[in-house]
Amino acid sequence: MNFSEEWESVYRVGAHMSVWPWSDLVSFVHRHAKPADGFRRVLEVGCGAGANIPFFLKLGVDFYGIDGSPEIVGMLHKSFPQLRDNIVLGDFTQSLPFAGQFDLVVDRASIPHNTTAAIQRTFWMIGNQLRPGGKFIGIDWFSTAYPDSQWGVALDSHTRASMPQGQFVGLGAVHFSDKQHILDLLHEAGFQVERLSHKTVETAIPAGATTAGWWSFSAVKP
């Protein structure tokens, strides 16, 4: 599996256990993929600790998830027993083991913990799993506004690993995108981009804190 052992170790010690839905994902779904508009069968790629699951359950959609961590999938099966058959352990860069097509696929900063080649493969599989007119929403993809994009060991022109400092220490591969790169990834996989946004945060205090930046997008399968 491409899923890094670093993430399994992180989850085992109880770190990165986000449990509240990500506000930008909530906003993008309400703006671009409401259940009332036909987006009722939803797959979350890299569902992690399940932060977004209560949001989708509240919407009443048919939710599915995949994650590469045995620790986290076991925890989700206990937390959401009604979804035991819908949340699976697997490497989403190699296979999406679900029957039928989805109306919506979402990712919140899971896919960009992979190399460019693995991301390209994942995008193609997502496109194959979506119905025509289905949408792919990606939230908080790391931007080259991060100085971290030049740190650590280069795995390819956009992916770093073995970060010496900062928030990505111990998290394996981290992929950083500029505007053209993220558009190229989506267009090469056959998607039409309906929205692409970029946000940056500059921390004033404490002094010396670095800039951070993220991309979010909504893309349509023609």
C-alpha atoms as a PDB file:
ATOM      1  CA  MET A   1       0.000   0.000   0.000  1.00  0.00           C
ATOM      2  CA  ASN A   2       1.032   3.606  -0.627  1.00  0.00           C
ATOM      3  CA  PHE A   3      -0.563   4.527   2.703  1.00  0.00           C
ATOM      4  CA  SER A   4       2.354   5.625   4.860  1.00  0.00           C
ATOM      5  CA  GLU A   5       3.149   3.808   8.050  1.00  0.00           C
ATOM      6  CA  GLU A   6       3.703   7.230   9.596  1.00  0.00           C
ATOM      7  CA  TRP A   7      -0.055   7.884   9.565  1.00  0.00           C
ATOM      8  CA  GLU A   8      -0.838   4.595  11.279  1.00  0.00           C
ATOM      9  CA  SER A   9       1.644   5.539  14.016  1.00  0.00           C
ATOM     10  CA  VAL A  10       0.079   9.002  14.320  1.00  0.00           C
ATOM     11  CA  TYR A  11      -3.413   7.555  14.741  1.00  0.00           C
ATOM     12  CA  ARG A  12      -2.235   4.947  17.242  1.00  0.00           C
ATOM     13  CA  VAL A  13      -1.052   7.687  19.620  1.00  0.00           C
ATOM     14  CA  GLY A  14      -4.302   9.624  19.188  1.00  0.00           C
ATOM     15  CA  ALA A  15      -2.959  12.495  17.078  1.00  0.00           C
ATOM     16  CA  HIS A  16      -4.749  14.135  14.115  1.00  0.00           C
ATOM     17  CA  MET A  17      -8.087  12.906  15.433  1.00  0.00           C
ATOM     18  CA  SER A  18     -10.224  15.618  13.841  1.00  0.00           C
ATOM     19  CA  VAL A  19     -13.858  15.098  14.792  1.00  0.00           C
ATOM     20  CA  TRP A  20     -15.597  18.303  13.636  1.00  0.00           C
ATOM     21  CA  PRO A  21     -16.674  18.699   9.991  1.00  0.00           C
ATOM     22  CA  TRP A  22     -14.341  20.937   7.977  1.00  0.00           C
ATOM     23  CA  SER A  23     -16.142  24.226   7.300  1.00  0.00           C
ATOM     24  CA  ASP A  24     -14.907  24.605   3.726  1.00  0.00           C
ATOM     25  CA  LEU A  25     -16.131  21.115   2.861  1.00  0.00           C
ATOM     26  CA  VAL A  26     -19.537  21.959   4.312  1.00  0.00           C
ATOM     27  CA  SER A  27     -19.629  25.173   2.261  1.00  0.00           C
ATOM     28  CA  PHE A  28     -18.552  23.512  -0.992  1.00  0.00           C
ATOM     29  CA  VAL A  29     -21.106  20.702  -0.650  1.00  0.00           C
ATOM     30  CA  HIS A  30     -23.949  23.134   0.060  1.00  0.00           C
ATOM     31  CA  ARG A  31     -22.880  25.348  -2.834  1.00  0.00           C
ATOM     32  CA  HIS A  32     -22.051  22.732  -5.463  1.00  0.00           C
ATOM     33  CA  ALA A  33     -23.433  19.289  -4.571  1.00  0.00           C
ATOM     34  CA  LYS A  34     -26.567  19.403  -2.459  1.00  0.00           C
ATOM     35  CA  PRO A  35     -28.452  16.116  -2.009  1.00  0.00           C
ATOM     36  CA  ALA A  36     -31.604  17.831  -3.288  1.00  0.00           C
ATOM     37  CA  ASP A  37     -29.804  18.373  -6.593  1.00  0.00           C
ATOM     38  CA  GLY A  38     -29.104  14.660  -7.024  1.00  0.00           C
ATOM     39  CA  PHE A  39     -25.871  14.212  -5.066  1.00  0.00           C
ATOM     40  CA  ARG A  40     -27.007  11.453  -2.758  1.00  0.00           C
ATOM     41  CA  ARG A  41     -24.410   8.675  -3.045  1.00  0.00           C
ATOM     42  CA  VAL A  42     -21.175  10.003  -1.569  1.00  0.00           C
ATOM     43  CA  LEU A  43     -17.666   8.589  -1.221  1.00  0.00           C
ATOM     44  CA  GLU A  44     -15.036  10.184   1.025  1.00  0.00           C
ATOM     45  CA  VAL A  45     -11.498   9.266   0.048  1.00  0.00           C
ATOM     46  CA  GLY A  46      -9.220   9.161   3.103  1.00  0.00           C
ATOM     47  CA  CYS A  47     -11.983   9.624   5.659  1.00  0.00           C
ATOM     48  CA  GLY A  48      -9.518   9.652   8.587  1.00  0.00           C
ATOM     49  CA  ALA A  49     -11.084   9.936  12.029  1.00  0.00           C
ATOM     50  CA  GLY A  50     -14.507  10.628  10.523  1.00  0.00           C
ATOM     51  CA  ALA A  51     -14.773  14.388  10.969  1.00  0.00           C
ATOM     52  CA  ASN A  52     -17.116  14.771   7.997  1.00  0.00           C
ATOM     53  CA  ILE A  53     -19.264  11.686   8.566  1.00  0.00           C
ATOM     54  CA  PRO A  54     -21.800  13.330  10.970  1.00  0.00           C
ATOM     55  CA  PHE A  55     -22.303  16.115   8.419  1.00  0.00           C
ATOM     56  CA  PHE A  56     -23.134  13.651   5.646  1.00  0.00           C
ATOM     57  CA  LEU A  57     -25.334  11.564   7.922  1.00  0.00           C
ATOM     58  CA  LYS A  58     -27.238  14.730   8.844  1.00  0.00           C
ATOM     59  CA  LEU A  59     -27.784  15.360   5.133  1.00  0.00           C
ATOM     60  CA  GLY A  60     -29.272  11.872   4.833  1.00  0.00           C
ATOM     61  CA  VAL A  61     -26.999  10.752   1.998  1.00  0.00           C
ATOM     62  CA  ASP A  62     -25.738   7.240   1.304  1.00  0.00           C
ATOM     63  CA  PHE A  63     -22.187   7.578   2.672  1.00  0.00           C
ATOM     64  CA  TYR A  64     -19.142   5.448   1.882  1.00  0.00           C
ATOM     65  CA  GLY A  65     -15.537   5.871   2.988  1.00  0.00           C
ATOM     66  CA  ILE A  66     -12.093   4.399   2.453  1.00  0.00           C
ATOM     67  CA  ASP A  67      -8.932   4.809   4.516  1.00  0.00           C
ATOM     68  CA  GLY A  68      -5.587   3.041   4.682  1.00  0.00           C
ATOM     69  CA  SER A  69      -5.260   2.891   8.463  1.00  0.00           C
ATOM     70  CA  PRO A  70      -6.449  -0.296  10.214  1.00  0.00           C
ATOM     71  CA  GLU A  71      -6.505   1.656  13.477  1.00  0.00           C
ATOM     72  CA  ILE A  72      -8.802   4.370  12.129  1.00  0.00           C
ATOM     73  CA  VAL A  73     -11.123   2.057  10.184  1.00  0.00           C
ATOM     74  CA  GLY A  74     -11.612  -0.095  13.279  1.00  0.00           C
ATOM     75  CA  MET A  75     -12.435   3.017  15.293  1.00  0.00           C
ATOM     76  CA  LEU A  76     -14.948   4.199  12.670  1.00  0.00           C
ATOM     77  CA  HIS A  77     -16.692   0.819  12.662  1.00  0.00           C
ATOM     78  CA  LYS A  78     -17.210   1.180  16.413  1.00  0.00           C
ATOM     79  CA  SER A  79     -18.301   4.838  16.187  1.00  0.00           C
ATOM     80  CA  PHE A  80     -20.629   4.333  13.212  1.00  0.00           C
ATOM     81  CA  PRO A  81     -21.799   0.699  13.322  1.00  0.00           C
ATOM     82  CA  GLN A  82     -24.519   1.437  10.765  1.00  0.00           C
ATOM     83  CA  LEU A  83     -21.727   2.158   8.240  1.00  0.00           C
ATOM     84  CA  ARG A  84     -19.609  -0.924   8.940  1.00  0.00           C
ATOM     85  CA  ASP A  85     -20.201  -2.310   5.443  1.00  0.00           C
ATOM     86  CA  ASN A  86     -19.674   1.085   3.798  1.00  0.00           C
ATOM     87  CA  ILE A  87     -16.336   2.090   5.359  1.00  0.00           C
ATOM     88  CA  VAL A  88     -13.480  -0.049   4.095  1.00  0.00           C
ATOM     89  CA  LEU A  89      -9.771  -0.470   4.659  1.00  0.00           C
ATOM     90  CA  GLY A  90      -7.797   0.053   1.478  1.00  0.00           C
ATOM     91  CA  ASP A  91      -5.234   1.997  -0.527  1.00  0.00           C
ATOM     92  CA  PHE A  92      -7.269   4.525  -2.509  1.00  0.00           C
ATOM     93  CA  THR A  93      -4.318   5.155  -4.837  1.00  0.00           C
ATOM     94  CA  GLN A  94      -4.574   1.534  -6.029  1.00  0.00           C
ATOM     95  CA  SER A  95      -8.257   0.650  -5.916  1.00  0.00           C
ATOM     96  CA  LEU A  96     -11.684   1.997  -5.011  1.00  0.00           C
ATOM     97  CA  PRO A  97     -13.406  -1.283  -4.099  1.00  0.00           C
ATOM     98  CA  PHE A  98     -17.024  -0.176  -4.387  1.00  0.00           C
ATOM     99  CA  ALA A  99     -19.743  -1.384  -6.722  1.00  0.00           C
ATOM    100  CA  GLY A 100     -21.716   1.154  -8.702  1.00  0.00           C
ATOM    101  CA  GLN A 101     -21.140   4.819  -9.374  1.00  0.00           C
ATOM    102  CA  PHE A 102     -21.173   7.778  -7.028  1.00  0.00           C
ATOM    103  CA  ASP A 103     -22.776  11.188  -7.361  1.00  0.00           C
ATOM    104  CA  LEU A 104     -20.065  12.887  -5.323  1.00  0.00           C
ATOM    105  CA  VAL A 105     -16.509  12.072  -4.247  1.00  0.00           C
ATOM    106  CA  VAL A 106     -14.868  14.260  -1.603  1.00  0.00           C
ATOM    107  CA  ASP A 107     -11.384  14.551  -0.185  1.00  0.00           C
ATOM    108  CA  ARG A 108     -10.118  16.757   2.592  1.00  0.00           C
ATOM    109  CA  ALA A 109      -6.283  16.816   2.398  1.00  0.00           C
ATOM    110  CA  SER A 110      -5.815  13.042   2.188  1.00  0.00           C
ATOM    111  CA  ILE A 111      -4.941  12.528  -1.471  1.00  0.00           C
ATOM    112  CA  PRO A 112      -2.141  15.150  -1.330  1.00  0.00           C
ATOM    113  CA  HIS A 113      -0.194  12.922   1.057  1.00  0.00           C
ATOM    114  CA  ASN A 114       1.017  11.039  -2.018  1.00  0.00           C
ATOM    115  CA  THR A 115       3.343  11.440  -4.985  1.00  0.00           C
ATOM    116  CA  THR A 116       2.263  12.975  -8.285  1.00  0.00           C
ATOM    117  CA  ALA A 117       2.003   9.568  -9.971  1.00  0.00           C
ATOM    118  CA  ALA A 118      -0.202   8.189  -7.173  1.00  0.00           C
ATOM    119  CA  ILE A 119      -2.432  11.277  -7.305  1.00  0.00           C
ATOM    120  CA  GLN A 120      -2.835  10.972 -11.080  1.00  0.00           C
ATOM    121  CA  ARG A 121      -3.843   7.331 -10.678  1.00  0.00           C
ATOM    122  CA  THR A 122      -6.339   8.251  -7.946  1.00  0.00           C
ATOM    123  CA  PHE A 123      -7.912  10.987 -10.070  1.00  0.00           C
ATOM    124  CA  TRP A 124      -8.483   8.558 -12.934  1.00  0.00           C
ATOM    125  CA  MET A 125     -10.111   6.036 -10.602  1.00  0.00           C
ATOM    126  CA  ILE A 126     -12.348   8.726  -9.098  1.00  0.00           C
ATOM    127  CA  GLY A 127     -13.408   9.768 -12.591  1.00  0.00           C
ATOM    128  CA  ASN A 128     -14.287   6.169 -13.425  1.00  0.00           C
ATOM    129  CA  GLN A 129     -16.299   5.833 -10.211  1.00  0.00           C
ATOM    130  CA  LEU A 130     -18.384   8.982 -10.781  1.00  0.00           C
ATOM    131  CA  ARG A 131     -21.562   9.097 -12.844  1.00  0.00           C
ATOM    132  CA  PRO A 132     -21.730  11.610 -15.710  1.00  0.00           C
ATOM    133  CA  GLY A 133     -22.441  14.974 -14.099  1.00  0.00           C
ATOM    134  CA  GLY A 134     -21.000  13.732 -10.812  1.00  0.00           C
ATOM    135  CA  LYS A 135     -18.633  15.955  -8.892  1.00  0.00           C
ATOM    136  CA  PHE A 136     -15.266  15.710  -7.176  1.00  0.00           C
ATOM    137  CA  ILE A 137     -14.658  18.161  -4.337  1.00  0.00           C
ATOM    138  CA  GLY A 138     -11.169  18.578  -2.906  1.00  0.00           C
ATOM    139  CA  ILE A 139     -10.573  20.688   0.186  1.00  0.00           C
ATOM    140  CA  ASP A 140      -7.327  22.083   1.659  1.00  0.00           C
ATOM    141  CA  TRP A 141      -4.809  20.831  -0.876  1.00  0.00           C
ATOM    142  CA  PHE A 142      -1.421  22.146   0.211  1.00  0.00           C
ATOM    143  CA  SER A 143      -0.181  25.107  -1.797  1.00  0.00           C
ATOM    144  CA  THR A 144       3.326  26.131  -2.812  1.00  0.00           C
ATOM    145  CA  ALA A 145       2.670  29.170  -0.584  1.00  0.00           C
ATOM    146  CA  TYR A 146       4.013  26.887   2.152  1.00  0.00           C
ATOM    147  CA  PRO A 147       7.781  27.331   2.524  1.00  0.00           C
ATOM    148  CA  ASP A 148       7.691  23.642   3.472  1.00  0.00           C
ATOM    149  CA  SER A 149       7.299  22.933  -0.262  1.00  0.00           C
ATOM    150  CA  GLN A 150      11.077  23.421  -0.534  1.00  0.00           C
ATOM    151  CA  TRP A 151      12.049  21.442   2.573  1.00  0.00           C
ATOM    152  CA  GLY A 152      12.860  17.809   3.170  1.00  0.00           C
ATOM    153  CA  VAL A 153      13.583  15.240   0.479  1.00  0.00           C
ATOM    154  CA  ALA A 154      12.123  15.653  -3.022  1.00  0.00           C
ATOM    155  CA  LEU A 155      10.156  12.592  -4.170  1.00  0.00           C
ATOM    156  CA  ASP A 156       9.184  14.372  -7.394  1.00  0.00           C
ATOM    157  CA  SER A 157       8.826  17.983  -8.557  1.00  0.00           C
ATOM    158  CA  HIS A 158       5.805  18.614  -6.290  1.00  0.00           C
ATOM    159  CA  THR A 159       6.186  16.091  -3.460  1.00  0.00           C
ATOM    160  CA  ARG A 160       8.439  16.234  -0.399  1.00  0.00           C
ATOM    161  CA  ALA A 161       9.092  13.853   2.487  1.00  0.00           C
ATOM    162  CA  SER A 162      11.224  13.634   5.658  1.00  0.00           C
ATOM    163  CA  MET A 163      10.352  17.177   6.697  1.00  0.00           C
ATOM    164  CA  PRO A 164      12.911  18.565   9.169  1.00  0.00           C
ATOM    165  CA  GLN A 165      10.432  20.920  10.898  1.00  0.00           C
ATOM    166  CA  GLY A 166       6.915  22.281  10.790  1.00  0.00           C
ATOM    167  CA  GLN A 167       3.467  20.690  10.765  1.00  0.00           C
ATOM    168  CA  PHE A 168       4.372  17.918   8.309  1.00  0.00           C
ATOM    169  CA  VAL A 169       7.087  16.273  10.399  1.00  0.00           C
ATOM    170  CA  GLY A 170       6.471  12.544  10.578  1.00  0.00           C
ATOM    171  CA  LEU A 171       3.637  12.530   8.021  1.00  0.00           C
ATOM    172  CA  GLY A 172       5.387  10.902   5.061  1.00  0.00           C
ATOM    173  CA  ALA A 173       4.822  12.294   1.559  1.00  0.00           C
ATOM    174  CA  VAL A 174       3.350  15.800   1.203  1.00  0.00           C
ATOM    175  CA  HIS A 175       2.275  17.157  -2.188  1.00  0.00           C
ATOM    176  CA  PHE A 176       2.306  20.919  -2.888  1.00  0.00           C
ATOM    177  CA  SER A 177       0.444  22.452  -5.834  1.00  0.00           C
ATOM    178  CA  ASP A 178       0.445  25.734  -7.693  1.00  0.00           C
ATOM    179  CA  LYS A 179      -2.563  26.803  -9.783  1.00  0.00           C
ATOM    180  CA  GLN A 180      -1.365  25.337 -13.065  1.00  0.00           C
ATOM    181  CA  HIS A 181      -0.374  22.019 -11.530  1.00  0.00           C
ATOM    182  CA  ILE A 182      -3.687  21.402  -9.834  1.00  0.00           C
ATOM    183  CA  LEU A 183      -5.555  22.367 -13.011  1.00  0.00           C
ATOM    184  CA  ASP A 184      -3.353  20.036 -15.042  1.00  0.00           C
ATOM    185  CA  LEU A 185      -4.057  17.135 -12.677  1.00  0.00           C
ATOM    186  CA  LEU A 186      -7.809  17.639 -12.958  1.00  0.00           C
ATOM    187  CA  HIS A 187      -7.926  18.292 -16.702  1.00  0.00           C
ATOM    188  CA  GLU A 188      -5.700  15.303 -17.512  1.00  0.00           C
ATOM    189  CA  ALA A 189      -8.153  13.083 -15.636  1.00  0.00           C
ATOM    190  CA  GLY A 190     -11.044  14.453 -17.709  1.00  0.00           C
ATOM    191  CA  PHE A 191     -12.606  16.817 -15.167  1.00  0.00           C
ATOM    192  CA  GLN A 192     -14.073  20.255 -15.837  1.00  0.00           C
ATOM    193  CA  VAL A 193     -13.262  22.690 -13.041  1.00  0.00           C
ATOM    194  CA  GLU A 194     -16.212  24.776 -11.893  1.00  0.00           C
ATOM    195  CA  ARG A 195     -14.520  26.407  -8.910  1.00  0.00           C
ATOM    196  CA  LEU A 196     -10.930  26.721  -7.709  1.00  0.00           C
ATOM    197  CA  SER A 197     -10.081  28.834  -4.678  1.00  0.00           C
ATOM    198  CA  HIS A 198      -6.855  29.600  -2.865  1.00  0.00           C
ATOM    199  CA  LYS A 199      -6.477  30.856   0.687  1.00  0.00           C
ATOM    200  CA  THR A 200      -3.380  31.877   2.594  1.00  0.00           C
ATOM    201  CA  VAL A 201      -2.710  32.535   6.246  1.00  0.00           C
ATOM    202  CA  GLU A 202       0.139  34.697   7.498  1.00  0.00           C
ATOM    203  CA  THR A 203       0.655  34.365  11.241  1.00  0.00           C
ATOM    204  CA  ALA A 204       1.628  37.672  12.868  1.00  0.00           C
ATOM    205  CA  ILE A 205       2.330  36.273  16.341  1.00  0.00           C
ATOM    206  CA  PRO A 206       4.543  34.512  17.222  1.00  0.00           C
ATOM    207  CA  ALA A 207       7.240  36.119  15.144  1.00  0.00           C
ATOM    208  CA  GLY A 208       8.879  33.865  12.606  1.00  0.00           C
ATOM    209  CA  ALA A 209       5.799  31.734  11.942  1.00  0.00           C
ATOM    210  CA  THR A 210       5.516  30.671   8.312  1.00  0.00           C
ATOM    211  CA  THR A 211       2.886  31.349   5.683  1.00  0.00           C
ATOM    212  CA  ALA A 212       0.434  28.573   4.864  1.00  0.00           C
ATOM    213  CA  GLY A 213      -1.729  28.136   1.783  1.00  0.00           C
ATOM    214  CA  TRP A 214      -4.420  25.755   0.523  1.00  0.00           C
ATOM    215  CA  TRP A 215      -6.363  25.052  -2.656  1.00  0.00           C
ATOM    216  CA  SER A 216      -9.982  23.873  -2.742  1.00  0.00           C
ATOM    217  CA  PHE A 217     -11.905  22.893  -5.847  1.00  0.00           C
ATOM    218  CA  SER A 218     -15.113  21.537  -7.276  1.00  0.00           C
ATOM    219  CA  ALA A 219     -14.786  19.610 -10.550  1.00  0.00           C
ATOM    220  CA  VAL A 220     -17.366  17.922 -12.763  1.00  0.00           C
ATOM    221  CA  LYS A 221     -17.219  14.694 -14.737  1.00  0.00           C
ATOM    222  CA  PRO A 222     -18.667  15.575 -18.185  1.00  0.00           C
END
